[in-house]
Amino acid sequence: MTQDDNGVASRSSCIGHKGRGASADAVRVMRHLSQNTTMIIHDKRLPKEYKKALEYKLPGCYLVPFGVLYPKVYDSISCHPDIYFFQIDDATLIHAPCVSGEQLSVFEEGGIKLVKGQNDPNGSYPETAPYNAVRVGDIIFHKLDHTDPVILEQGRKAGLKFVNIDQGYARCSVVAVTEKAIITPDGGIAKVARDEGIDVLLISRASIVLPGEKYGFLGGASGKTTDGTIVFLGDINLHPDASKIKDFLQKHQSSYICLESLPLYDLGSLIIFQPLTKT
């Protein structure tokens, strides 16, 4: 990825919570998406300095703030994209029923296929985690007795393998580096993944900001572009295991982007799409 020395003007636009009709905001987003820009869905509470850094590192990206009008989960995760969405492939999102029609219309106009899930995240863990599965290659890891039934159905239709783990917040806990390599602080996930032939870097639970909680997760402080580039929401050099993380990424020939000098910030993952132009 190249950097724009002149910076990039802000291109984020907050999407409202109305019905399926396209508002002025939605039309504006659709116009940008039709140009095949990279769309990044993020928690609407993402601080301004992180937005500016993302726009600088990913010139031409379009930031789409996400939130729900009446969240039924606790505040620290109430606008986290990975609580409401599961990205089953590069073109498809499975979403919670509570996601607004206006937000969904933006994704549809960008050529993203949408599949409505069965359950809304609700209450406390693990009822908050039906969409927080993680796909690594042809495997979906999750606490399967709490996975939304639509994810199970769609995954089986796609010929994917489901592997049970004890952690419901799988997406938060895992950076899927390649189809055969992950980074995680969770020893249980690490063991199960290794049993599936996946190379694992086990890191410490440290240095990840998650407002309202003792700590966050590196998976929740990152996203992945369609070309496989890892985007860290903050500076990976501030993590105590930074050298090991960078060596692991190099080992698997995985490029990455980080936001220099900013603390790693868990805001429920960055969901990144390269929208397809409708014809």
Foldseek 3Di string as FASTA:
>chain_A
DDFDPVFEDAQEAEWDFDAQDADPRLVSLLVLLLVLAKEKEFALPPDPVLRRLVCRVRPSYHYYHFAFDDFQEDDLQRGFPQLFWAPPDQQEIEGEPRGGNNVVNSSVSLRHHYHYFDHHQHYYPPSSQQRQWDAQALEIEAQVVSHTVVCVVVSVVVVGHYDYFPDSNHQQFWDRQHSQEIEGQDPRVCVSSVVVRHHYDHDHQDQEDRPPDPGTHQSLQWEAEPVREIEGSADLVPGPCSVVVVVRSVVVVHHYHHRPPGTGYRRNYIYMHRGDNDD
